[in-house]
PDB file of N, CA and C in Angstrom:
ATOM      1  N   MET A   1     -10.552 -72.080  30.170  1.00  0.00           N
ATOM      2  CA  MET A   1      -9.537 -71.105  30.545  1.00  0.00           C
ATOM      3  C   MET A   1      -8.672 -70.807  29.322  1.00  0.00           C
ATOM      4  N   GLN A   2      -8.370 -69.545  29.112  1.00  0.00           N
ATOM      5  CA  GLN A   2      -7.572 -69.184  27.949  1.00  0.00           C
ATOM      6  C   GLN A   2      -6.104 -69.500  28.199  1.00  0.00           C
ATOM      7  N   SER A   3      -5.430 -69.890  27.150  1.00  0.00           N
ATOM      8  CA  SER A   3      -4.015 -70.207  27.234  1.00  0.00           C
ATOM      9  C   SER A   3      -3.209 -68.918  27.125  1.00  0.00           C
ATOM     10  N   ILE A   4      -2.214 -68.809  27.953  1.00  0.00           N
ATOM     11  CA  ILE A   4      -1.354 -67.625  27.912  1.00  0.00           C
ATOM     12  C   ILE A   4      -0.030 -68.046  27.302  1.00  0.00           C
ATOM     13  N   SER A   5       0.266 -67.476  26.137  1.00  0.00           N
ATOM     14  CA  SER A   5       1.479 -67.870  25.423  1.00  0.00           C
ATOM     15  C   SER A   5       2.640 -66.908  25.642  1.00  0.00           C
ATOM     16  N   ASN A   6       2.406 -65.805  26.304  1.00  0.00           N
ATOM     17  CA  ASN A   6       3.461 -64.824  26.536  1.00  0.00           C
ATOM     18  C   ASN A   6       4.206 -65.162  27.826  1.00  0.00           C
ATOM     19  N   ASN A   7       5.082 -66.149  27.767  1.00  0.00           N
ATOM     20  CA  ASN A   7       5.892 -66.526  28.921  1.00  0.00           C
ATOM     21  C   ASN A   7       7.220 -65.794  28.842  1.00  0.00           C
ATOM     22  N   LYS A   8       7.561 -65.086  29.894  1.00  0.00           N
ATOM     23  CA  LYS A   8       8.828 -64.354  29.941  1.00  0.00           C
ATOM     24  C   LYS A   8       9.476 -64.581  31.298  1.00  0.00           C
ATOM     25  N   SER A   9      10.788 -64.571  31.309  1.00  0.00           N
ATOM     26  CA  SER A   9      11.518 -64.743  32.565  1.00  0.00           C
ATOM     27  C   SER A   9      11.501 -63.440  33.355  1.00  0.00           C
ATOM     28  N   ILE A  10      11.774 -63.564  34.632  1.00  0.00           N
ATOM     29  CA  ILE A  10      11.812 -62.370  35.474  1.00  0.00           C
ATOM     30  C   ILE A  10      12.946 -61.440  35.053  1.00  0.00           C
ATOM     31  N   SER A  11      14.036 -61.998  34.555  1.00  0.00           N
ATOM     32  CA  SER A  11      15.131 -61.137  34.076  1.00  0.00           C
ATOM     33  C   SER A  11      14.695 -60.361  32.838  1.00  0.00           C
ATOM     34  N   TYR A  12      13.865 -60.988  31.980  1.00  0.00           N
ATOM     35  CA  TYR A  12      13.322 -60.271  30.825  1.00  0.00           C
ATOM     36  C   TYR A  12      12.439 -59.117  31.300  1.00  0.00           C
ATOM     37  N   LEU A  13      11.620 -59.382  32.296  1.00  0.00           N
ATOM     38  CA  LEU A  13      10.761 -58.332  32.859  1.00  0.00           C
ATOM     39  C   LEU A  13      11.594 -57.159  33.362  1.00  0.00           C
ATOM     40  N   LYS A  14      12.659 -57.467  34.072  1.00  0.00           N
ATOM     41  CA  LYS A  14      13.504 -56.412  34.629  1.00  0.00           C
ATOM     42  C   LYS A  14      14.113 -55.524  33.548  1.00  0.00           C
ATOM     43  N   SER A  15      14.504 -56.129  32.450  1.00  0.00           N
ATOM     44  CA  SER A  15      15.182 -55.347  31.416  1.00  0.00           C
ATOM     45  C   SER A  15      14.258 -54.826  30.322  1.00  0.00           C
ATOM     46  N   HIS A  16      13.015 -55.316  30.258  1.00  0.00           N
ATOM     47  CA  HIS A  16      12.110 -54.908  29.187  1.00  0.00           C
ATOM     48  C   HIS A  16      10.734 -54.487  29.710  1.00  0.00           C
ATOM     49  N   ALA A  17      10.673 -53.920  30.879  1.00  0.00           N
ATOM     50  CA  ALA A  17       9.386 -53.544  31.479  1.00  0.00           C
ATOM     51  C   ALA A  17       8.603 -52.582  30.595  1.00  0.00           C
ATOM     52  N   ALA A  18       9.268 -51.611  30.010  1.00  0.00           N
ATOM     53  CA  ALA A  18       8.580 -50.642  29.157  1.00  0.00           C
ATOM     54  C   ALA A  18       7.993 -51.327  27.925  1.00  0.00           C
ATOM     55  N   GLN A  19       8.723 -52.258  27.339  1.00  0.00           N
ATOM     56  CA  GLN A  19       8.236 -52.993  26.167  1.00  0.00           C
ATOM     57  C   GLN A  19       7.024 -53.852  26.530  1.00  0.00           C
ATOM     58  N   ILE A  20       7.060 -54.492  27.685  1.00  0.00           N
ATOM     59  CA  ILE A  20       5.924 -55.301  28.145  1.00  0.00           C
ATOM     60  C   ILE A  20       4.701 -54.412  28.326  1.00  0.00           C
ATOM     61  N   ALA A  21       4.894 -53.231  28.911  1.00  0.00           N
ATOM     62  CA  ALA A  21       3.782 -52.297  29.098  1.00  0.00           C
ATOM     63  C   ALA A  21       3.184 -51.890  27.750  1.00  0.00           C
ATOM     64  N   GLU A  22       4.023 -51.626  26.774  1.00  0.00           N
ATOM     65  CA  GLU A  22       3.532 -51.270  25.435  1.00  0.00           C
ATOM     66  C   GLU A  22       2.769 -52.429  24.802  1.00  0.00           C
ATOM     67  N   ASP A  23       3.310 -53.634  24.932  1.00  0.00           N
ATOM     68  CA  ASP A  23       2.633 -54.813  24.372  1.00  0.00           C
ATOM     69  C   ASP A  23       1.271 -55.030  25.022  1.00  0.00           C
ATOM     70  N   LEU A  24       1.191 -54.837  26.326  1.00  0.00           N
ATOM     71  CA  LEU A  24      -0.084 -54.973  27.018  1.00  0.00           C
ATOM     72  C   LEU A  24      -1.101 -53.969  26.498  1.00  0.00           C
ATOM     73  N   GLU A  25      -0.648 -52.753  26.278  1.00  0.00           N
ATOM     74  CA  GLU A  25      -1.550 -51.710  25.785  1.00  0.00           C
ATOM     75  C   GLU A  25      -2.004 -51.996  24.353  1.00  0.00           C
ATOM     76  N   MET A  26      -1.103 -52.529  23.544  1.00  0.00           N
ATOM     77  CA  MET A  26      -1.422 -52.765  22.140  1.00  0.00           C
ATOM     78  C   MET A  26      -2.320 -53.984  21.929  1.00  0.00           C
ATOM     79  N   ASN A  27      -1.965 -55.129  22.527  1.00  0.00           N
ATOM     80  CA  ASN A  27      -2.723 -56.337  22.221  1.00  0.00           C
ATOM     81  C   ASN A  27      -3.488 -56.917  23.405  1.00  0.00           C
ATOM     82  N   GLY A  28      -3.225 -56.444  24.602  1.00  0.00           N
ATOM     83  CA  GLY A  28      -3.985 -56.866  25.769  1.00  0.00           C
ATOM     84  C   GLY A  28      -3.707 -58.263  26.277  1.00  0.00           C
ATOM     85  N   GLN A  29      -2.787 -58.992  25.650  1.00  0.00           N
ATOM     86  CA  GLN A  29      -2.480 -60.349  26.097  1.00  0.00           C
ATOM     87  C   GLN A  29      -1.612 -60.306  27.356  1.00  0.00           C
ATOM     88  N   PRO A  30      -2.047 -60.968  28.416  1.00  0.00           N
ATOM     89  CA  PRO A  30      -1.247 -60.961  29.645  1.00  0.00           C
ATOM     90  C   PRO A  30       0.057 -61.730  29.482  1.00  0.00           C
ATOM     91  N   PHE A  31       1.001 -61.468  30.359  1.00  0.00           N
ATOM     92  CA  PHE A  31       2.293 -62.139  30.371  1.00  0.00           C
ATOM     93  C   PHE A  31       2.408 -63.000  31.615  1.00  0.00           C
ATOM     94  N   VAL A  32       2.915 -64.213  31.455  1.00  0.00           N
ATOM     95  CA  VAL A  32       3.260 -65.059  32.593  1.00  0.00           C
ATOM     96  C   VAL A  32       4.750 -64.868  32.831  1.00  0.00           C
ATOM     97  N   ILE A  33       5.093 -64.454  34.026  1.00  0.00           N
ATOM     98  CA  ILE A  33       6.493 -64.239  34.376  1.00  0.00           C
ATOM     99  C   ILE A  33       6.981 -65.466  35.132  1.00  0.00           C
ATOM    100  N   THR A  34       8.108 -65.989  34.682  1.00  0.00           N
ATOM    101  CA  THR A  34       8.650 -67.198  35.304  1.00  0.00           C
ATOM    102  C   THR A  34       9.889 -66.869  36.122  1.00  0.00           C
ATOM    103  N   GLN A  35      10.069 -67.658  37.163  1.00  0.00           N
ATOM    104  CA  GLN A  35      11.265 -67.540  37.990  1.00  0.00           C
ATOM    105  C   GLN A  35      11.791 -68.961  38.200  1.00  0.00           C
ATOM    106  N   ASN A  36      13.008 -69.187  37.830  1.00  0.00           N
ATOM    107  CA  ASN A  36      13.613 -70.522  37.879  1.00  0.00           C
ATOM    108  C   ASN A  36      12.787 -71.525  37.083  1.00  0.00           C
ATOM    109  N   GLY A  37      12.249 -71.080  35.950  1.00  0.00           N
ATOM    110  CA  GLY A  37      11.497 -71.952  35.070  1.00  0.00           C
ATOM    111  C   GLY A  37      10.064 -72.224  35.481  1.00  0.00           C
ATOM    112  N   GLU A  38       9.617 -71.684  36.596  1.00  0.00           N
ATOM    113  CA  GLU A  38       8.254 -71.905  37.101  1.00  0.00           C
ATOM    114  C   GLU A  38       7.471 -70.597  37.029  1.00  0.00           C
ATOM    115  N   ALA A  39       6.202 -70.692  36.657  1.00  0.00           N
ATOM    116  CA  ALA A  39       5.342 -69.501  36.618  1.00  0.00           C
ATOM    117  C   ALA A  39       5.233 -68.924  38.022  1.00  0.00           C
ATOM    118  N   SER A  40       5.457 -67.621  38.144  1.00  0.00           N
ATOM    119  CA  SER A  40       5.386 -67.000  39.469  1.00  0.00           C
ATOM    120  C   SER A  40       4.422 -65.825  39.532  1.00  0.00           C
ATOM    121  N   MET A  41       4.080 -65.225  38.385  1.00  0.00           N
ATOM    122  CA  MET A  41       3.126 -64.111  38.397  1.00  0.00           C
ATOM    123  C   MET A  41       2.569 -63.887  37.001  1.00  0.00           C
ATOM    124  N   VAL A  42       1.470 -63.168  36.956  1.00  0.00           N
ATOM    125  CA  VAL A  42       0.855 -62.779  35.698  1.00  0.00           C
ATOM    126  C   VAL A  42       0.768 -61.263  35.678  1.00  0.00           C
ATOM    127  N   ILE A  43       1.146 -60.679  34.563  1.00  0.00           N
ATOM    128  CA  ILE A  43       1.031 -59.234  34.394  1.00  0.00           C
ATOM    129  C   ILE A  43      -0.026 -59.002  33.327  1.00  0.00           C
ATOM    130  N   GLN A  44      -1.016 -58.173  33.670  1.00  0.00           N
ATOM    131  CA  GLN A  44      -2.064 -57.865  32.717  1.00  0.00           C
ATOM    132  C   GLN A  44      -2.380 -56.383  32.767  1.00  0.00           C
ATOM    133  N   ALA A  45      -3.058 -55.897  31.728  1.00  0.00           N
ATOM    134  CA  ALA A  45      -3.415 -54.483  31.644  1.00  0.00           C
ATOM    135  C   ALA A  45      -4.409 -54.142  32.756  1.00  0.00           C
ATOM    136  N   VAL A  46      -4.375 -52.919  33.222  1.00  0.00           N
ATOM    137  CA  VAL A  46      -5.249 -52.468  34.298  1.00  0.00           C
ATOM    138  C   VAL A  46      -6.722 -52.621  33.909  1.00  0.00           C
ATOM    139  N   GLN A  47      -7.060 -52.262  32.682  1.00  0.00           N
ATOM    140  CA  GLN A  47      -8.451 -52.363  32.250  1.00  0.00           C
ATOM    141  C   GLN A  47      -8.940 -53.805  32.314  1.00  0.00           C
ATOM    142  N   GLN A  48      -8.122 -54.756  31.868  1.00  0.00           N
ATOM    143  CA  GLN A  48      -8.496 -56.172  31.945  1.00  0.00           C
ATOM    144  C   GLN A  48      -8.691 -56.600  33.390  1.00  0.00           C
ATOM    145  N   PHE A  49      -7.800 -56.155  34.260  1.00  0.00           N
ATOM    146  CA  PHE A  49      -7.901 -56.493  35.681  1.00  0.00           C
ATOM    147  C   PHE A  49      -9.201 -55.957  36.260  1.00  0.00           C
ATOM    148  N   GLN A  50      -9.524 -54.705  35.962  1.00  0.00           N
ATOM    149  CA  GLN A  50     -10.742 -54.098  36.490  1.00  0.00           C
ATOM    150  C   GLN A  50     -11.992 -54.799  35.968  1.00  0.00           C
ATOM    151  N   GLU A  51     -11.995 -55.158  34.692  1.00  0.00           N
ATOM    152  CA  GLU A  51     -13.132 -55.871  34.115  1.00  0.00           C
ATOM    153  C   GLU A  51     -13.306 -57.237  34.774  1.00  0.00           C
ATOM    154  N   LYS A  52     -12.206 -57.923  34.997  1.00  0.00           N
ATOM    155  CA  LYS A  52     -12.260 -59.235  35.632  1.00  0.00           C
ATOM    156  C   LYS A  52     -12.771 -59.115  37.071  1.00  0.00           C
ATOM    157  N   GLU A  53     -12.319 -58.110  37.804  1.00  0.00           N
ATOM    158  CA  GLU A  53     -12.776 -57.903  39.174  1.00  0.00           C
ATOM    159  C   GLU A  53     -14.271 -57.581  39.216  1.00  0.00           C
ATOM    160  N   ALA A  54     -14.744 -56.766  38.265  1.00  0.00           N
ATOM    161  CA  ALA A  54     -16.171 -56.443  38.201  1.00  0.00           C
ATOM    162  C   ALA A  54     -16.995 -57.690  37.895  1.00  0.00           C
ATOM    163  N   LEU A  55     -16.497 -58.529  37.013  1.00  0.00           N
ATOM    164  CA  LEU A  55     -17.190 -59.776  36.683  1.00  0.00           C
ATOM    165  C   LEU A  55     -17.255 -60.699  37.897  1.00  0.00           C
ATOM    166  N   ILE A  56     -16.166 -60.821  38.614  1.00  0.00           N
ATOM    167  CA  ILE A  56     -16.145 -61.657  39.815  1.00  0.00           C
ATOM    168  C   ILE A  56     -17.141 -61.135  40.842  1.00  0.00           C
ATOM    169  N   ALA A  57     -17.193 -59.811  41.028  1.00  0.00           N
ATOM    170  CA  ALA A  57     -18.144 -59.225  41.983  1.00  0.00           C
ATOM    171  C   ALA A  57     -19.585 -59.517  41.571  1.00  0.00           C
ATOM    172  N   ALA A  58     -19.878 -59.386  40.274  1.00  0.00           N
ATOM    173  CA  ALA A  58     -21.235 -59.668  39.788  1.00  0.00           C
ATOM    174  C   ALA A  58     -21.594 -61.139  39.990  1.00  0.00           C
ATOM    175  N   LEU A  59     -20.660 -62.028  39.737  1.00  0.00           N
ATOM    176  CA  LEU A  59     -20.911 -63.456  39.936  1.00  0.00           C
ATOM    177  C   LEU A  59     -21.149 -63.786  41.409  1.00  0.00           C
ATOM    178  N   LYS A  60     -20.427 -63.112  42.298  1.00  0.00           N
ATOM    179  CA  LYS A  60     -20.636 -63.327  43.739  1.00  0.00           C
ATOM    180  C   LYS A  60     -22.033 -62.881  44.149  1.00  0.00           C
ATOM    181  N   ILE A  61     -22.466 -61.733  43.631  1.00  0.00           N
ATOM    182  CA  ILE A  61     -23.814 -61.237  43.949  1.00  0.00           C
ATOM    183  C   ILE A  61     -24.865 -62.209  43.440  1.00  0.00           C
ATOM    184  N   MET A  62     -24.659 -62.717  42.228  1.00  0.00           N
ATOM    185  CA  MET A  62     -25.609 -63.678  41.675  1.00  0.00           C
ATOM    186  C   MET A  62     -25.640 -64.965  42.506  1.00  0.00           C
ATOM    187  N   ALA A  63     -24.482 -65.430  42.946  1.00  0.00           N
ATOM    188  CA  ALA A  63     -24.414 -66.643  43.757  1.00  0.00           C
ATOM    189  C   ALA A  63     -25.113 -66.440  45.093  1.00  0.00           C
ATOM    190  N   LEU A  64     -24.927 -65.275  45.694  1.00  0.00           N
ATOM    191  CA  LEU A  64     -25.611 -64.988  46.962  1.00  0.00           C
ATOM    192  C   LEU A  64     -27.121 -64.929  46.764  1.00  0.00           C
ATOM    193  N   GLY A  65     -27.557 -64.331  45.668  1.00  0.00           N
ATOM    194  CA  GLY A  65     -28.983 -64.270  45.365  1.00  0.00           C
ATOM    195  C   GLY A  65     -29.572 -65.659  45.166  1.00  0.00           C
ATOM    196  N   GLU A  66     -28.837 -66.508  44.459  1.00  0.00           N
ATOM    197  CA  GLU A  66     -29.297 -67.882  44.238  1.00  0.00           C
ATOM    198  C   GLU A  66     -29.359 -68.651  45.559  1.00  0.00           C
ATOM    199  N   LYS A  67     -28.390 -68.425  46.414  1.00  0.00           N
ATOM    200  CA  LYS A  67     -28.388 -69.071  47.723  1.00  0.00           C
ATOM    201  C   LYS A  67     -29.611 -68.644  48.539  1.00  0.00           C
ATOM    202  N   ASP A  68     -29.910 -67.350  48.521  1.00  0.00           N
ATOM    203  CA  ASP A  68     -31.098 -66.848  49.219  1.00  0.00           C
ATOM    204  C   ASP A  68     -32.376 -67.415  48.608  1.00  0.00           C
ATOM    205  N   ARG A  69     -32.423 -67.501  47.288  1.00  0.00           N
ATOM    206  CA  ARG A  69     -33.611 -68.039  46.629  1.00  0.00           C
ATOM    207  C   ARG A  69     -33.861 -69.477  47.044  1.00  0.00           C
ATOM    208  N   ARG A  70     -32.806 -70.264  47.077  1.00  0.00           N
ATOM    209  CA  ARG A  70     -32.944 -71.668  47.473  1.00  0.00           C
ATOM    210  C   ARG A  70     -33.334 -71.816  48.939  1.00  0.00           C
ATOM    211  N   ALA A  71     -32.954 -70.840  49.744  1.00  0.00           N
ATOM    212  CA  ALA A  71     -33.304 -70.875  51.174  1.00  0.00           C
ATOM    213  C   ALA A  71     -34.696 -70.308  51.428  1.00  0.00           C
ATOM    214  N   GLY A  72     -35.383 -69.926  50.358  1.00  0.00           N
ATOM    215  CA  GLY A  72     -36.740 -69.403  50.502  1.00  0.00           C
ATOM    216  C   GLY A  72     -36.809 -67.959  50.951  1.00  0.00           C
ATOM    217  N   LYS A  73     -35.712 -67.240  50.831  1.00  0.00           N
ATOM    218  CA  LYS A  73     -35.688 -65.844  51.284  1.00  0.00           C
ATOM    219  C   LYS A  73     -36.098 -64.855  50.198  1.00  0.00           C
ATOM    220  N   GLY A  74     -36.288 -65.329  48.980  1.00  0.00           N
ATOM    221  CA  GLY A  74     -36.615 -64.444  47.873  1.00  0.00           C
ATOM    222  C   GLY A  74     -38.116 -64.224  47.745  1.00  0.00           C
ATOM    223  N   ILE A  75     -38.471 -63.391  46.788  1.00  0.00           N
ATOM    224  CA  ILE A  75     -39.873 -63.169  46.465  1.00  0.00           C
ATOM    225  C   ILE A  75     -40.061 -63.445  44.979  1.00  0.00           C
ATOM    226  N   SER A  76     -41.289 -63.670  44.596  1.00  0.00           N
ATOM    227  CA  SER A  76     -41.565 -63.974  43.187  1.00  0.00           C
ATOM    228  C   SER A  76     -41.419 -62.717  42.339  1.00  0.00           C
ATOM    229  N   ALA A  77     -41.331 -62.919  41.036  1.00  0.00           N
ATOM    230  CA  ALA A  77     -41.210 -61.791  40.108  1.00  0.00           C
ATOM    231  C   ALA A  77     -42.435 -60.902  40.185  1.00  0.00           C
ATOM    232  N   SER A  78     -43.618 -61.501  40.303  1.00  0.00           N
ATOM    233  CA  SER A  78     -44.842 -60.690  40.385  1.00  0.00           C
ATOM    234  C   SER A  78     -44.876 -59.876  41.678  1.00  0.00           C
ATOM    235  N   GLU A  79     -44.408 -60.459  42.781  1.00  0.00           N
ATOM    236  CA  GLU A  79     -44.337 -59.703  44.030  1.00  0.00           C
ATOM    237  C   GLU A  79     -43.348 -58.551  43.918  1.00  0.00           C
ATOM    238  N   SER A  80     -42.239 -58.808  43.265  1.00  0.00           N
ATOM    239  CA  SER A  80     -41.232 -57.777  43.079  1.00  0.00           C
ATOM    240  C   SER A  80     -41.775 -56.631  42.239  1.00  0.00           C
ATOM    241  N   ARG A  81     -42.483 -56.965  41.151  1.00  0.00           N
ATOM    242  CA  ARG A  81     -43.075 -55.917  40.312  1.00  0.00           C
ATOM    243  C   ARG A  81     -44.099 -55.105  41.103  1.00  0.00           C
ATOM    244  N   ALA A  82     -44.882 -55.776  41.925  1.00  0.00           N
ATOM    245  CA  ALA A  82     -45.884 -55.074  42.741  1.00  0.00           C
ATOM    246  C   ALA A  82     -45.206 -54.115  43.718  1.00  0.00           C
ATOM    247  N   GLN A  83     -44.122 -54.556  44.336  1.00  0.00           N
ATOM    248  CA  GLN A  83     -43.387 -53.688  45.264  1.00  0.00           C
ATOM    249  C   GLN A  83     -42.799 -52.486  44.543  1.00  0.00           C
ATOM    250  N   LEU A  84     -42.237 -52.707  43.353  1.00  0.00           N
ATOM    251  CA  LEU A  84     -41.684 -51.591  42.575  1.00  0.00           C
ATOM    252  C   LEU A  84     -42.774 -50.608  42.176  1.00  0.00           C
ATOM    253  N   LYS A  85     -43.916 -51.133  41.759  1.00  0.00           N
ATOM    254  CA  LYS A  85     -45.026 -50.271  41.366  1.00  0.00           C
ATOM    255  C   LYS A  85     -45.499 -49.440  42.553  1.00  0.00           C
ATOM    256  N   ALA A  86     -45.618 -50.077  43.720  1.00  0.00           N
ATOM    257  CA  ALA A  86     -46.046 -49.360  44.932  1.00  0.00           C
ATOM    258  C   ALA A  86     -45.035 -48.275  45.311  1.00  0.00           C
ATOM    259  N   ALA A  87     -43.745 -48.590  45.173  1.00  0.00           N
ATOM    260  CA  ALA A  87     -42.703 -47.604  45.512  1.00  0.00           C
ATOM    261  C   ALA A  87     -42.753 -46.423  44.562  1.00  0.00           C
ATOM    262  N   ARG A  88     -43.020 -46.671  43.282  1.00  0.00           N
ATOM    263  CA  ARG A  88     -43.127 -45.576  42.308  1.00  0.00           C
ATOM    264  C   ARG A  88     -44.338 -44.707  42.604  1.00  0.00           C
ATOM    265  N   GLN A  89     -45.441 -45.348  42.968  1.00  0.00           N
ATOM    266  CA  GLN A  89     -46.667 -44.604  43.259  1.00  0.00           C
ATOM    267  C   GLN A  89     -46.496 -43.716  44.487  1.00  0.00           C
ATOM    268  N   SER A  90     -45.751 -44.203  45.488  1.00  0.00           N
ATOM    269  CA  SER A  90     -45.566 -43.416  46.708  1.00  0.00           C
ATOM    270  C   SER A  90     -44.656 -42.209  46.488  1.00  0.00           C
ATOM    271  N   ARG A  91     -43.853 -42.216  45.435  1.00  0.00           N
ATOM    272  CA  ARG A  91     -42.974 -41.087  45.133  1.00  0.00           C
ATOM    273  C   ARG A  91     -43.713 -39.960  44.449  1.00  0.00           C
ATOM    274  N   LYS A  92     -44.851 -40.243  43.833  1.00  0.00           N
ATOM    275  CA  LYS A  92     -45.573 -39.220  43.070  1.00  0.00           C
ATOM    276  C   LYS A  92     -46.341 -38.293  43.949  1.00  0.00           C
TER     277      LYS A  92
END
């Protein structure tokens, strides 16, 4: 896990929101916002958030596929290629 060194208080966030937004755009490093000395939220750029969400979705799909494979619900690579070839032939 990457270390986040941009720790800022919630009062800093309130008074410097525009500066935080600029910093996020320039260097992409997320900010940990603290309240009463404890981490309470993370602010990150939208693009980073979207990339992370896409990665999580891909990992979930892979995990589900692996679960199906272990349960014997999958097909072999050669069977898959044969099915794809048959589907292509039927389109012609």
